[in-house]
Amino acid sequence: MFIYEKKLQFPVKIATPNPKLASFIISQYGGPDGELGASMRYLSQRYAMPYAEAKGVLTDIGTEEPFCTVF
């Protein structure tokens, strides 16, 4: 049994919101050319892969892809 506590590792205080930057960040995750779309392609291709080693590589890439956004 465990307790899920949704809290950040470090406190975040936003002094001035930046809607332009927020729009850019959201655009990186969404759409067919975004990070999330690429991640889903890698994860869906792993099911057609006949070799276990390559399947593992596709899984690793697919799970890391959304977290590799470059600003």
Protein backbone atom coordinates (compact mmCIF):
# COMPACT_ATOMS: atom_id res chain seq x y z
CA MET A 1 0.00 0.00 0.00
CA PHE A 2 1.25 3.48 -0.76
CA ILE A 3 0.08 7.07 -0.53
CA TYR A 4 0.30 9.24 -3.65
CA GLU A 5 1.15 12.80 -2.77
CA LYS A 6 1.21 15.12 -5.76
CA LYS A 7 3.82 17.73 -4.91
CA LEU A 8 6.81 19.22 -6.69
CA GLN A 9 10.39 18.46 -5.76
CA PHE A 10 11.17 22.16 -5.53
CA PRO A 11 8.72 24.99 -4.83
CA VAL A 12 7.77 27.04 -7.89
CA LYS A 13 6.86 30.69 -7.65
CA ILE A 14 5.91 32.46 -10.86
CA ALA A 15 6.46 36.20 -10.54
CA THR A 16 5.23 37.16 -14.02
CA PRO A 17 3.41 34.73 -16.32
CA ASN A 18 4.72 34.50 -19.87
CA PRO A 19 1.93 33.37 -22.23
CA LYS A 20 4.25 33.38 -25.27
CA LEU A 21 6.64 30.90 -23.65
CA ALA A 22 3.73 28.77 -22.42
CA SER A 23 2.36 28.60 -25.96
CA PHE A 24 5.77 27.50 -27.26
CA ILE A 25 6.10 24.76 -24.63
CA ILE A 26 2.62 23.42 -25.35
CA SER A 27 3.32 23.41 -29.10
CA GLN A 28 6.39 21.20 -28.51
CA TYR A 29 4.26 18.49 -26.92
CA GLY A 30 1.24 18.64 -29.21
CA GLY A 31 0.64 18.08 -32.88
CA PRO A 32 1.93 15.43 -35.27
CA ASP A 33 5.47 16.82 -35.21
CA GLY A 34 5.58 17.35 -31.45
CA GLU A 35 7.40 15.37 -28.79
CA LEU A 36 4.33 13.44 -27.71
CA GLY A 37 3.56 12.37 -31.30
CA ALA A 38 7.12 11.10 -31.75
CA SER A 39 6.92 9.23 -28.47
CA MET A 40 3.69 7.50 -29.48
CA ARG A 41 5.22 6.46 -32.83
CA TYR A 42 8.20 4.83 -31.10
CA LEU A 43 5.98 3.04 -28.60
CA SER A 44 3.57 1.77 -31.26
CA GLN A 45 6.42 0.52 -33.49
CA ARG A 46 7.79 -1.64 -30.71
CA TYR A 47 4.86 -4.04 -31.02
CA ALA A 48 5.84 -4.95 -34.61
CA MET A 49 9.54 -5.45 -33.75
CA PRO A 50 10.57 -9.13 -33.89
CA TYR A 51 13.82 -8.73 -31.87
CA ALA A 52 13.72 -8.23 -28.10
CA GLU A 53 16.82 -6.00 -28.06
CA ALA A 54 15.37 -3.60 -30.63
CA LYS A 55 12.02 -3.67 -28.84
CA GLY A 56 13.79 -2.56 -25.66
CA VAL A 57 15.54 0.28 -27.49
CA LEU A 58 12.24 1.54 -28.94
CA THR A 59 10.67 1.40 -25.50
CA ASP A 60 13.54 3.37 -23.96
CA ILE A 61 13.43 6.02 -26.69
CA GLY A 62 9.63 6.29 -26.53
CA THR A 63 9.59 6.82 -22.78
CA GLU A 64 12.42 9.38 -22.81
CA GLU A 65 11.24 11.36 -25.85
CA PRO A 66 8.76 13.74 -24.15
CA PHE A 67 11.38 14.72 -21.59
CA CYS A 68 14.04 15.74 -24.11
CA THR A 69 12.48 19.03 -25.19
CA VAL A 70 15.13 21.63 -26.03
CA PHE A 71 14.36 25.25 -25.24
